[in-house]
C-alpha cells in the first residue's frame, strides 16, 4: 500500500535542493529588454542603459 500525498512526511529541503538562494533587501520593478548582440550573446538592458548606449554610439 502506498502513502497518499496527504499522509506523506513533510518535505524538508536540503542543500542539494537549493541551487540558488539569496536575499533581496529591497525589490524594485524594472523593465528590461533582451537584445541579441552581433556575436550571438543575449543580454538584458534597462531603458536607461539603452539610452546611454545610443548616446555613445551616436557620437
Protein backbone atom coordinates (compact mmCIF):
# COMPACT_ATOMS: atom_id res chain seq x y z
CA UNK A 1 0.00 0.00 0.00
CA UNK A 2 1.41 3.41 -0.96
CA UNK A 3 1.13 6.56 1.08
CA UNK A 4 -1.14 9.27 -0.21
CA UNK A 5 0.38 12.76 -0.55
CA UNK A 6 -1.74 13.84 2.42
CA UNK A 7 -0.08 11.26 4.70
CA UNK A 8 3.40 11.66 3.22
CA UNK A 9 6.10 13.01 5.54
CA UNK A 10 6.77 16.75 5.17
CA UNK A 11 9.34 17.72 2.57
CA UNK A 12 12.49 19.11 4.10
CA UNK A 13 14.70 20.87 1.57
CA UNK A 14 18.33 20.01 1.96
CA UNK A 15 21.41 21.68 0.49
CA UNK A 16 21.14 19.51 -2.62
CA UNK A 17 17.71 21.04 -3.37
CA UNK A 18 18.83 24.66 -3.01
CA UNK A 19 20.50 25.61 -6.27
CA UNK A 20 20.41 29.34 -5.69
CA UNK A 21 19.35 31.15 -2.55
CA UNK A 22 19.77 34.83 -1.82
CA UNK A 23 18.04 37.68 -0.01
CA UNK A 24 16.98 40.88 -1.69
CA UNK A 25 16.80 43.74 0.81
CA UNK A 26 14.65 45.96 -1.41
CA UNK A 27 12.72 44.98 -4.52
CA UNK A 28 12.17 47.42 -7.35
CA UNK A 29 10.25 46.59 -10.52
CA UNK A 30 12.44 47.37 -13.52
CA UNK A 31 11.52 46.64 -17.12
CA UNK A 32 14.32 45.12 -19.17
CA UNK A 33 14.73 44.42 -22.86
CA UNK A 34 16.51 41.29 -24.13
CA UNK A 35 18.89 42.02 -27.01
CA UNK A 36 20.85 39.63 -29.20
CA UNK A 37 24.32 41.05 -29.83
CA UNK A 38 26.24 40.63 -33.09
CA UNK A 39 28.34 37.85 -31.54
CA UNK A 40 25.16 35.88 -30.65
CA UNK A 41 25.07 36.63 -26.93
CA UNK A 42 21.75 37.68 -25.41
CA UNK A 43 21.90 40.45 -22.82
CA UNK A 44 19.32 42.36 -20.77
CA UNK A 45 19.30 46.15 -20.79
CA UNK A 46 17.17 48.70 -18.93
CA UNK A 47 15.72 51.74 -20.72
CA UNK A 48 18.39 53.93 -19.09
CA UNK A 49 21.18 51.65 -20.33
CA UNK A 50 19.74 51.64 -23.86
CA UNK A 51 19.59 55.45 -23.91
CA UNK A 52 23.19 55.67 -22.66
CA UNK A 53 24.39 53.19 -25.30
CA UNK A 54 22.55 55.07 -28.07
CA UNK A 55 24.16 58.32 -26.90
CA UNK A 56 27.63 56.76 -27.04
CA UNK A 57 27.15 55.22 -30.49
CA UNK A 58 25.80 58.48 -31.92
CA UNK A 59 28.98 60.43 -31.16
